[in-house]
Amino acid sequence: MVVDPVPLQLAAELFPNGISRYAVGGLLVGLGAVVIYVGTGIPAGASTFLESTLSYVSDQPRFQRYVSSRDWRVVFTLGIILGALAFAATVQSGVITTSLYQPGTTGELYEVGGVTLWSTGVQPWRLFLGGILVGIGTRIGKGCTSGHGVCGVGSASKTSLVGVVTFLFVAIVTAQIVAALGVSP
């Protein structure tokens, strides 16, 4: 069998460090989505975490629709946070080495108690503003990129397909504008 070198060359240009880290990450995200769906019957997504958490303290009907699913949503969100902390404390700090991880070029490394940690170079106000904009976007789009991109597209939801195309288009245009303006973290 003869393999056309053009697609291989294109893949090498798009992923100069290889695709293994992306493949492993994608498999783990997909497996997590399957486990949550099989266990709860609800597609995974992080955007409803705030509303489901508010259902613990508010009697408003808007929040009460999450009462039956709020416990696993809290565990889901804590898993995201604890997973990131575990990654930072082990792989990113150098305690565990793997070919799937290469240090980034932004931010800075610092040492706390003999453990090397990483801090972003992005200004706090930009992180805050970005968080607010993402929150507004997930309300308008009726879900986040993880919910639409992983679960919605996987179930061939037309709404999610349109949402993901919109997310990608806006992200690409925004990145090009930001790059053209010379904005940096």
N, C-alpha and C. Protein backbone atom coordinates (compact mmCIF):
# COMPACT_ATOMS: atom_id res chain seq x y z
N MET A 1 0.84 -1.18 0.00
CA MET A 1 0.00 0.00 0.00
C MET A 1 0.89 1.24 0.00
N VAL A 2 0.61 2.16 -0.89
CA VAL A 2 1.37 3.39 -1.01
C VAL A 2 0.63 4.50 -0.25
N VAL A 3 1.36 5.22 0.60
CA VAL A 3 0.77 6.29 1.40
C VAL A 3 1.12 7.62 0.76
N ASP A 4 0.10 8.45 0.56
CA ASP A 4 0.32 9.77 -0.01
C ASP A 4 1.07 10.64 1.00
N PRO A 5 2.23 11.18 0.64
CA PRO A 5 3.04 11.94 1.60
C PRO A 5 2.46 13.31 1.94
N VAL A 6 1.55 13.84 1.13
CA VAL A 6 1.02 15.19 1.37
C VAL A 6 0.25 15.26 2.70
N PRO A 7 -0.70 14.34 2.98
CA PRO A 7 -1.38 14.41 4.28
C PRO A 7 -0.42 14.23 5.46
N LEU A 8 0.57 13.37 5.31
CA LEU A 8 1.54 13.17 6.38
C LEU A 8 2.36 14.43 6.61
N GLN A 9 2.74 15.09 5.52
CA GLN A 9 3.50 16.32 5.64
C GLN A 9 2.66 17.42 6.27
N LEU A 10 1.39 17.50 5.89
CA LEU A 10 0.48 18.49 6.47
C LEU A 10 0.31 18.24 7.97
N ALA A 11 0.15 16.98 8.36
CA ALA A 11 0.02 16.64 9.78
C ALA A 11 1.29 17.00 10.54
N ALA A 12 2.44 16.79 9.92
CA ALA A 12 3.71 17.13 10.57
C ALA A 12 3.84 18.64 10.76
N GLU A 13 3.31 19.42 9.83
CA GLU A 13 3.36 20.87 9.96
C GLU A 13 2.38 21.37 11.02
N LEU A 14 1.20 20.76 11.06
CA LEU A 14 0.20 21.17 12.04
C LEU A 14 0.58 20.75 13.45
N PHE A 15 1.23 19.61 13.59
CA PHE A 15 1.61 19.07 14.89
C PHE A 15 3.11 18.78 14.90
N PRO A 16 3.93 19.82 14.97
CA PRO A 16 5.39 19.60 14.90
C PRO A 16 5.94 18.76 16.04
N ASN A 17 5.25 18.68 17.16
CA ASN A 17 5.70 17.87 18.29
C ASN A 17 5.02 16.52 18.33
N GLY A 18 4.33 16.15 17.26
CA GLY A 18 3.62 14.88 17.21
C GLY A 18 2.19 15.01 17.71
N ILE A 19 1.41 13.96 17.48
CA ILE A 19 0.01 14.01 17.89
C ILE A 19 -0.29 13.13 19.08
N SER A 20 0.70 12.44 19.62
CA SER A 20 0.43 11.48 20.69
C SER A 20 -0.19 12.14 21.91
N ARG A 21 0.29 13.31 22.32
CA ARG A 21 -0.28 13.96 23.51
C ARG A 21 -1.73 14.35 23.28
N TYR A 22 -2.05 14.76 22.07
CA TYR A 22 -3.42 15.14 21.76
C TYR A 22 -4.32 13.90 21.70
N ALA A 23 -3.78 12.83 21.16
CA ALA A 23 -4.55 11.59 21.08
C ALA A 23 -4.83 11.04 22.48
N VAL A 24 -3.84 11.06 23.34
CA VAL A 24 -4.03 10.57 24.72
C VAL A 24 -5.04 11.45 25.44
N GLY A 25 -4.88 12.76 25.33
CA GLY A 25 -5.82 13.68 25.96
C GLY A 25 -7.24 13.49 25.44
N GLY A 26 -7.38 13.35 24.14
CA GLY A 26 -8.70 13.15 23.54
C GLY A 26 -9.35 11.86 24.01
N LEU A 27 -8.56 10.81 24.09
CA LEU A 27 -9.09 9.54 24.57
C LEU A 27 -9.55 9.64 26.03
N LEU A 28 -8.79 10.33 26.86
CA LEU A 28 -9.17 10.48 28.26
C LEU A 28 -10.43 11.34 28.42
N VAL A 29 -10.51 12.42 27.66
CA VAL A 29 -11.72 13.27 27.71
C VAL A 29 -12.93 12.47 27.22
N GLY A 30 -12.77 11.76 26.12
CA GLY A 30 -13.87 10.94 25.61
C GLY A 30 -14.30 9.87 26.59
N LEU A 31 -13.33 9.21 27.21
CA LEU A 31 -13.65 8.19 28.20
C LEU A 31 -14.41 8.80 29.38
N GLY A 32 -13.96 9.97 29.84
CA GLY A 32 -14.66 10.65 30.93
C GLY A 32 -16.09 10.99 30.57
N ALA A 33 -16.30 11.47 29.34
CA ALA A 33 -17.65 11.81 28.88
C ALA A 33 -18.54 10.56 28.84
N VAL A 34 -17.99 9.45 28.39
CA VAL A 34 -18.75 8.20 28.34
C VAL A 34 -19.11 7.73 29.74
N VAL A 35 -18.16 7.78 30.65
CA VAL A 35 -18.42 7.34 32.03
C VAL A 35 -19.52 8.19 32.66
N ILE A 36 -19.46 9.50 32.48
CA ILE A 36 -20.48 10.37 33.05
C ILE A 36 -21.84 10.10 32.42
N TYR A 37 -21.88 9.92 31.10
CA TYR A 37 -23.15 9.68 30.43
C TYR A 37 -23.75 8.34 30.84
N VAL A 38 -22.92 7.31 30.89
CA VAL A 38 -23.42 5.99 31.28
C VAL A 38 -23.88 6.01 32.74
N GLY A 39 -23.15 6.72 33.59
CA GLY A 39 -23.48 6.75 35.01
C GLY A 39 -24.66 7.62 35.37
N THR A 40 -24.89 8.69 34.59
CA THR A 40 -25.94 9.64 34.95
C THR A 40 -27.02 9.81 33.90
N GLY A 41 -26.71 9.48 32.65
CA GLY A 41 -27.65 9.73 31.56
C GLY A 41 -27.66 11.18 31.12
N ILE A 42 -26.71 11.98 31.63
CA ILE A 42 -26.62 13.40 31.32
C ILE A 42 -25.28 13.67 30.63
N PRO A 43 -25.30 14.41 29.51
CA PRO A 43 -24.03 14.74 28.86
C PRO A 43 -23.14 15.58 29.77
N ALA A 44 -21.85 15.32 29.74
CA ALA A 44 -20.89 16.08 30.56
C ALA A 44 -20.73 17.48 30.02
N GLY A 45 -20.50 18.40 30.92
CA GLY A 45 -20.25 19.79 30.56
C GLY A 45 -20.03 20.58 31.83
N ALA A 46 -19.18 21.57 31.77
CA ALA A 46 -18.82 22.31 32.98
C ALA A 46 -19.62 23.59 33.17
N SER A 47 -20.36 24.04 32.17
CA SER A 47 -20.98 25.36 32.26
C SER A 47 -22.13 25.44 33.26
N THR A 48 -22.74 24.36 33.64
CA THR A 48 -23.86 24.41 34.58
C THR A 48 -23.41 24.27 36.03
N PHE A 49 -22.10 24.25 36.27
CA PHE A 49 -21.60 24.08 37.63
C PHE A 49 -22.10 25.17 38.57
N LEU A 50 -22.01 26.44 38.16
CA LEU A 50 -22.40 27.54 39.04
C LEU A 50 -23.88 27.44 39.39
N GLU A 51 -24.73 27.23 38.39
CA GLU A 51 -26.15 27.15 38.67
C GLU A 51 -26.49 25.95 39.54
N SER A 52 -25.85 24.82 39.29
CA SER A 52 -26.15 23.65 40.12
C SER A 52 -25.65 23.85 41.54
N THR A 53 -24.55 24.58 41.72
CA THR A 53 -24.05 24.87 43.06
C THR A 53 -24.98 25.84 43.78
N LEU A 54 -25.51 26.82 43.04
CA LEU A 54 -26.44 27.77 43.66
C LEU A 54 -27.74 27.09 44.10
N SER A 55 -28.03 25.91 43.55
CA SER A 55 -29.25 25.21 43.96
C SER A 55 -29.16 24.73 45.41
N TYR A 56 -27.96 24.70 45.98
CA TYR A 56 -27.81 24.34 47.40
C TYR A 56 -28.30 25.47 48.31
N VAL A 57 -28.22 26.72 47.85
CA VAL A 57 -28.53 27.85 48.71
C VAL A 57 -29.71 28.70 48.25
N SER A 58 -30.22 28.46 47.05
CA SER A 58 -31.31 29.27 46.51
C SER A 58 -32.53 28.41 46.20
N ASP A 59 -33.71 28.98 46.45
CA ASP A 59 -34.95 28.28 46.14
C ASP A 59 -35.53 28.70 44.79
N GLN A 60 -34.81 29.52 44.03
CA GLN A 60 -35.31 29.97 42.73
C GLN A 60 -35.47 28.79 41.79
N PRO A 61 -36.58 28.73 41.05
CA PRO A 61 -36.81 27.61 40.12
C PRO A 61 -35.70 27.43 39.10
N ARG A 62 -35.06 28.53 38.71
CA ARG A 62 -33.97 28.46 37.73
C ARG A 62 -32.86 27.53 38.20
N PHE A 63 -32.60 27.53 39.50
CA PHE A 63 -31.52 26.71 40.05
C PHE A 63 -32.01 25.33 40.49
N GLN A 64 -33.28 25.21 40.80
CA GLN A 64 -33.81 23.96 41.35
C GLN A 64 -33.86 22.83 40.33
N ARG A 65 -33.81 23.14 39.05
CA ARG A 65 -33.83 22.07 38.04
C ARG A 65 -32.57 21.22 38.08
N TYR A 66 -31.54 21.69 38.82
CA TYR A 66 -30.28 20.95 38.91
C TYR A 66 -30.15 20.12 40.18
N VAL A 67 -31.17 20.13 41.04
CA VAL A 67 -31.06 19.45 42.32
C VAL A 67 -30.70 17.97 42.14
N SER A 68 -31.30 17.31 41.18
CA SER A 68 -31.05 15.88 41.01
C SER A 68 -29.65 15.57 40.47
N SER A 69 -28.99 16.55 39.87
CA SER A 69 -27.68 16.28 39.28
C SER A 69 -26.56 17.12 39.88
N ARG A 70 -26.86 17.89 40.90
CA ARG A 70 -25.84 18.81 41.40
C ARG A 70 -24.67 18.12 42.07
N ASP A 71 -24.89 16.99 42.72
CA ASP A 71 -23.79 16.33 43.42
C ASP A 71 -22.69 15.88 42.47
N TRP A 72 -23.07 15.23 41.37
CA TRP A 72 -22.03 14.78 40.44
C TRP A 72 -21.38 15.95 39.72
N ARG A 73 -22.11 17.05 39.55
CA ARG A 73 -21.52 18.22 38.91
C ARG A 73 -20.43 18.84 39.79
N VAL A 74 -20.65 18.85 41.10
CA VAL A 74 -19.64 19.35 42.02
C VAL A 74 -18.40 18.44 41.96
N VAL A 75 -18.63 17.14 41.98
CA VAL A 75 -17.51 16.19 41.89
C VAL A 75 -16.78 16.36 40.56
N PHE A 76 -17.51 16.54 39.48
CA PHE A 76 -16.93 16.75 38.14
C PHE A 76 -16.01 17.98 38.15
N THR A 77 -16.50 19.09 38.69
CA THR A 77 -15.72 20.32 38.70
C THR A 77 -14.51 20.20 39.63
N LEU A 78 -14.71 19.59 40.79
CA LEU A 78 -13.57 19.36 41.68
C LEU A 78 -12.52 18.47 41.03
N GLY A 79 -12.98 17.50 40.23
CA GLY A 79 -12.05 16.63 39.50
C GLY A 79 -11.22 17.41 38.50
N ILE A 80 -11.83 18.38 37.84
CA ILE A 80 -11.09 19.23 36.90
C ILE A 80 -10.01 20.01 37.64
N ILE A 81 -10.39 20.61 38.76
CA ILE A 81 -9.45 21.42 39.54
C ILE A 81 -8.35 20.55 40.13
N LEU A 82 -8.72 19.44 40.77
CA LEU A 82 -7.72 18.57 41.40
C LEU A 82 -6.83 17.90 40.36
N GLY A 83 -7.39 17.57 39.19
CA GLY A 83 -6.58 17.00 38.12
C GLY A 83 -5.51 17.97 37.65
N ALA A 84 -5.89 19.25 37.52
CA ALA A 84 -4.93 20.28 37.11
C ALA A 84 -3.85 20.45 38.18
N LEU A 85 -4.26 20.44 39.45
CA LEU A 85 -3.27 20.57 40.53
C LEU A 85 -2.33 19.36 40.56
N ALA A 86 -2.88 18.18 40.38
CA ALA A 86 -2.04 16.97 40.37
C ALA A 86 -1.05 17.00 39.21
N PHE A 87 -1.52 17.44 38.04
CA PHE A 87 -0.64 17.56 36.88
C PHE A 87 0.48 18.56 37.16
N ALA A 88 0.12 19.72 37.72
CA ALA A 88 1.11 20.75 38.00
C ALA A 88 2.13 20.27 39.03
N ALA A 89 1.66 19.55 40.03
CA ALA A 89 2.56 19.11 41.11
C ALA A 89 3.44 17.93 40.71
N THR A 90 3.07 17.21 39.68
CA THR A 90 3.85 16.03 39.29
C THR A 90 4.56 16.24 37.96
N VAL A 91 3.82 16.29 36.90
CA VAL A 91 4.43 16.36 35.56
C VAL A 91 5.03 17.73 35.29
N GLN A 92 4.24 18.78 35.52
CA GLN A 92 4.73 20.12 35.19
C GLN A 92 5.91 20.54 36.05
N SER A 93 5.95 20.06 37.29
CA SER A 93 7.05 20.42 38.17
C SER A 93 8.30 19.58 37.92
N GLY A 94 8.18 18.51 37.13
CA GLY A 94 9.32 17.69 36.80
C GLY A 94 9.49 16.47 37.69
N VAL A 95 8.61 16.25 38.67
CA VAL A 95 8.69 15.07 39.52
C VAL A 95 8.52 13.81 38.66
N ILE A 96 7.60 13.87 37.71
CA ILE A 96 7.37 12.79 36.75
C ILE A 96 7.70 13.34 35.37
N THR A 97 8.48 12.61 34.59
CA THR A 97 8.79 13.06 33.24
C THR A 97 8.10 12.16 32.23
N THR A 98 7.68 12.76 31.15
CA THR A 98 7.01 12.04 30.08
C THR A 98 7.26 12.74 28.76
N SER A 99 7.29 11.98 27.69
CA SER A 99 7.49 12.58 26.37
C SER A 99 6.22 13.28 25.88
N LEU A 100 5.10 13.06 26.57
CA LEU A 100 3.84 13.69 26.17
C LEU A 100 3.76 15.15 26.60
N TYR A 101 4.65 15.58 27.47
CA TYR A 101 4.61 16.95 27.97
C TYR A 101 5.91 17.68 27.68
N GLN A 102 5.77 18.87 27.11
CA GLN A 102 6.91 19.75 26.92
C GLN A 102 6.53 21.09 27.52
N PRO A 103 7.39 21.70 28.32
CA PRO A 103 7.05 22.96 28.96
C PRO A 103 6.68 24.03 27.95
N GLY A 104 5.75 24.87 28.34
CA GLY A 104 5.30 25.96 27.48
C GLY A 104 6.29 27.10 27.47
N THR A 105 5.99 28.09 26.66
CA THR A 105 6.90 29.23 26.52
C THR A 105 6.36 30.46 27.23
N THR A 106 5.17 30.39 27.81
CA THR A 106 4.63 31.54 28.53
C THR A 106 4.68 31.26 30.02
N GLY A 107 4.64 32.31 30.79
CA GLY A 107 4.64 32.15 32.23
C GLY A 107 6.03 31.99 32.78
N GLU A 108 6.09 31.62 34.06
CA GLU A 108 7.39 31.46 34.71
C GLU A 108 7.32 30.32 35.71
N LEU A 109 8.47 29.73 35.94
CA LEU A 109 8.59 28.67 36.93
C LEU A 109 9.09 29.25 38.24
N TYR A 110 8.59 28.74 39.35
CA TYR A 110 9.10 29.14 40.65
C TYR A 110 9.03 27.94 41.58
N GLU A 111 9.78 28.00 42.66
CA GLU A 111 9.88 26.85 43.55
C GLU A 111 9.23 27.17 44.89
N VAL A 112 8.40 26.22 45.36
CA VAL A 112 7.76 26.33 46.66
C VAL A 112 7.95 25.01 47.39
N GLY A 113 8.66 25.04 48.49
CA GLY A 113 8.87 23.83 49.28
C GLY A 113 9.54 22.70 48.51
N GLY A 114 10.44 23.02 47.61
CA GLY A 114 11.14 22.01 46.85
C GLY A 114 10.39 21.51 45.62
N VAL A 115 9.20 22.07 45.36
CA VAL A 115 8.41 21.67 44.20
C VAL A 115 8.38 22.84 43.22
N THR A 116 8.70 22.57 41.97
CA THR A 116 8.69 23.61 40.95
C THR A 116 7.27 23.74 40.40
N LEU A 117 6.75 24.96 40.45
CA LEU A 117 5.41 25.24 39.94
C LEU A 117 5.49 26.27 38.82
N TRP A 118 4.39 26.40 38.10
CA TRP A 118 4.33 27.32 36.96
C TRP A 118 3.26 28.36 37.22
N SER A 119 3.53 29.58 36.85
CA SER A 119 2.57 30.66 36.96
C SER A 119 2.43 31.31 35.59
N THR A 120 1.21 31.63 35.22
CA THR A 120 0.98 32.24 33.92
C THR A 120 1.53 33.66 33.87
N GLY A 121 1.88 34.08 32.68
CA GLY A 121 2.34 35.44 32.47
C GLY A 121 1.19 36.37 32.11
N VAL A 122 -0.03 35.84 32.06
CA VAL A 122 -1.19 36.64 31.69
C VAL A 122 -1.59 37.50 32.89
N GLN A 123 -1.87 38.77 32.63
CA GLN A 123 -2.24 39.69 33.69
C GLN A 123 -3.57 39.27 34.32
N PRO A 124 -3.70 39.41 35.65
CA PRO A 124 -4.92 38.99 36.36
C PRO A 124 -6.21 39.61 35.81
N TRP A 125 -6.17 40.89 35.41
CA TRP A 125 -7.39 41.50 34.90
C TRP A 125 -7.84 40.84 33.59
N ARG A 126 -6.88 40.37 32.80
CA ARG A 126 -7.24 39.69 31.56
C ARG A 126 -7.84 38.31 31.85
N LEU A 127 -7.31 37.62 32.85
CA LEU A 127 -7.90 36.34 33.25
C LEU A 127 -9.32 36.54 33.75
N PHE A 128 -9.53 37.58 34.56
CA PHE A 128 -10.86 37.88 35.11
C PHE A 128 -11.83 38.23 33.99
N LEU A 129 -11.42 39.15 33.10
CA LEU A 129 -12.28 39.54 31.98
C LEU A 129 -12.58 38.36 31.07
N GLY A 130 -11.57 37.53 30.81
CA GLY A 130 -11.78 36.34 29.99
C GLY A 130 -12.78 35.39 30.63
N GLY A 131 -12.69 35.22 31.94
CA GLY A 131 -13.64 34.37 32.65
C GLY A 131 -15.05 34.89 32.55
N ILE A 132 -15.22 36.21 32.70
CA ILE A 132 -16.55 36.82 32.58
C ILE A 132 -17.10 36.61 31.17
N LEU A 133 -16.28 36.86 30.15
CA LEU A 133 -16.72 36.69 28.76
C LEU A 133 -17.07 35.23 28.45
N VAL A 134 -16.28 34.31 28.96
CA VAL A 134 -16.58 32.89 28.75
C VAL A 134 -17.90 32.53 29.43
N GLY A 135 -18.11 33.04 30.64
CA GLY A 135 -19.36 32.79 31.35
C GLY A 135 -20.57 33.31 30.58
N ILE A 136 -20.45 34.51 30.04
CA ILE A 136 -21.55 35.08 29.24
C ILE A 136 -21.76 34.24 27.98
N GLY A 137 -20.67 33.85 27.35
CA GLY A 137 -20.77 33.04 26.14
C GLY A 137 -21.42 31.69 26.37
N THR A 138 -21.14 31.07 27.50
CA THR A 138 -21.75 29.76 27.77
C THR A 138 -23.24 29.90 28.05
N ARG A 139 -23.66 31.04 28.59
CA ARG A 139 -25.10 31.26 28.81
C ARG A 139 -25.78 31.49 27.46
N ILE A 140 -25.18 32.32 26.62
CA ILE A 140 -25.78 32.61 25.31
C ILE A 140 -25.80 31.35 24.44
N GLY A 141 -24.70 30.58 24.47
CA GLY A 141 -24.59 29.38 23.65
C GLY A 141 -25.23 28.15 24.25
N LYS A 142 -25.85 28.31 25.42
CA LYS A 142 -26.51 27.20 26.13
C LYS A 142 -25.57 26.02 26.36
N GLY A 143 -24.35 26.34 26.76
CA GLY A 143 -23.39 25.29 27.08
C GLY A 143 -21.98 25.72 26.74
N CYS A 144 -21.04 24.93 27.22
CA CYS A 144 -19.63 25.25 27.02
C CYS A 144 -19.02 24.42 25.89
N THR A 145 -17.79 24.71 25.59
CA THR A 145 -17.12 24.00 24.51
C THR A 145 -16.97 22.52 24.83
N SER A 146 -16.79 22.19 26.10
CA SER A 146 -16.66 20.77 26.44
C SER A 146 -17.98 20.03 26.24
N GLY A 147 -19.07 20.65 26.66
CA GLY A 147 -20.37 20.01 26.48
C GLY A 147 -20.76 19.89 25.02
N HIS A 148 -20.66 21.00 24.29
CA HIS A 148 -21.03 20.98 22.87
C HIS A 148 -20.02 20.21 22.03
N GLY A 149 -18.72 20.47 22.27
CA GLY A 149 -17.68 19.89 21.43
C GLY A 149 -17.48 18.40 21.61
N VAL A 150 -17.59 17.92 22.84
CA VAL A 150 -17.36 16.50 23.09
C VAL A 150 -18.66 15.71 23.02
N CYS A 151 -19.63 16.14 23.82
CA CYS A 151 -20.87 15.35 23.92
C CYS A 151 -21.85 15.69 22.80
N GLY A 152 -22.02 16.98 22.51
CA GLY A 152 -22.99 17.38 21.49
C GLY A 152 -22.63 16.91 20.10
N VAL A 153 -21.37 17.13 19.71
CA VAL A 153 -20.92 16.68 18.39
C VAL A 153 -20.92 15.15 18.32
N GLY A 154 -20.52 14.53 19.43
CA GLY A 154 -20.51 13.07 19.48
C GLY A 154 -21.89 12.45 19.32
N SER A 155 -22.93 13.20 19.70
CA SER A 155 -24.29 12.70 19.53
C SER A 155 -24.98 13.30 18.31
N ALA A 156 -24.21 13.99 17.47
CA ALA A 156 -24.69 14.58 16.21
C ALA A 156 -25.79 15.61 16.42
N SER A 157 -25.71 16.36 17.51
CA SER A 157 -26.67 17.43 17.78
C SER A 157 -26.42 18.59 16.82
N LYS A 158 -27.46 19.01 16.10
CA LYS A 158 -27.31 20.11 15.15
C LYS A 158 -26.94 21.40 15.88
N THR A 159 -27.55 21.63 17.04
CA THR A 159 -27.23 22.82 17.83
C THR A 159 -25.76 22.83 18.21
N SER A 160 -25.25 21.70 18.64
CA SER A 160 -23.84 21.62 19.04
C SER A 160 -22.91 21.77 17.85
N LEU A 161 -23.27 21.20 16.72
CA LEU A 161 -22.43 21.35 15.52
C LEU A 161 -22.33 22.82 15.12
N VAL A 162 -23.46 23.53 15.13
CA VAL A 162 -23.44 24.96 14.81
C VAL A 162 -22.65 25.71 15.87
N GLY A 163 -22.83 25.34 17.14
CA GLY A 163 -22.10 25.99 18.23
C GLY A 163 -20.60 25.82 18.08
N VAL A 164 -20.14 24.62 17.79
CA VAL A 164 -18.71 24.36 17.67
C VAL A 164 -18.11 25.11 16.48
N VAL A 165 -18.82 25.14 15.36
CA VAL A 165 -18.34 25.90 14.20
C VAL A 165 -18.24 27.38 14.57
N THR A 166 -19.24 27.87 15.29
CA THR A 166 -19.22 29.28 15.73
C THR A 166 -18.07 29.54 16.69
N PHE A 167 -17.87 28.65 17.68
CA PHE A 167 -16.75 28.81 18.62
C PHE A 167 -15.43 28.91 17.87
N LEU A 168 -15.22 27.97 16.95
CA LEU A 168 -13.95 27.92 16.22
C LEU A 168 -13.76 29.16 15.36
N PHE A 169 -14.81 29.56 14.66
CA PHE A 169 -14.72 30.74 13.79
C PHE A 169 -14.37 31.98 14.61
N VAL A 170 -15.10 32.21 15.70
CA VAL A 170 -14.86 33.39 16.53
C VAL A 170 -13.46 33.33 17.15
N ALA A 171 -13.03 32.16 17.58
CA ALA A 171 -11.70 32.02 18.18
C ALA A 171 -10.60 32.32 17.17
N ILE A 172 -10.74 31.82 15.96
CA ILE A 172 -9.73 32.06 14.92
C ILE A 172 -9.69 33.53 14.55
N VAL A 173 -10.85 34.15 14.36
CA VAL A 173 -10.90 35.57 14.00
C VAL A 173 -10.31 36.41 15.14
N THR A 174 -10.70 36.10 16.38
CA THR A 174 -10.18 36.85 17.52
C THR A 174 -8.67 36.72 17.64
N ALA A 175 -8.15 35.51 17.47
CA ALA A 175 -6.71 35.29 17.55
C ALA A 175 -5.98 36.08 16.46
N GLN A 176 -6.54 36.13 15.27
CA GLN A 176 -5.91 36.88 14.19
C GLN A 176 -5.91 38.38 14.46
N ILE A 177 -7.02 38.88 15.01
CA ILE A 177 -7.10 40.31 15.34
C ILE A 177 -6.11 40.66 16.45
N VAL A 178 -6.09 39.83 17.49
CA VAL A 178 -5.17 40.06 18.61
C VAL A 178 -3.73 40.03 18.13
N ALA A 179 -3.40 39.07 17.27
CA ALA A 179 -2.03 38.95 16.75
C ALA A 179 -1.69 40.17 15.88
N ALA A 180 -2.66 40.61 15.07
CA ALA A 180 -2.41 41.76 14.20
C ALA A 180 -2.21 43.04 15.00
N LEU A 181 -2.88 43.15 16.15
CA LEU A 181 -2.72 44.32 17.01
C LEU A 181 -1.45 44.26 17.85
N GLY A 182 -0.80 43.09 17.85
CA GLY A 182 0.43 42.94 18.61
C GLY A 182 0.23 42.78 20.10
N VAL A 183 -0.96 42.39 20.50
CA VAL A 183 -1.26 42.21 21.93
C VAL A 183 -0.58 40.95 22.43
N SER A 184 0.04 41.05 23.59
CA SER A 184 0.67 39.89 24.20
C SER A 184 0.17 39.77 25.63
N PRO A 185 0.42 38.62 26.27
CA PRO A 185 -0.10 38.43 27.63
C PRO A 185 0.36 39.51 28.56
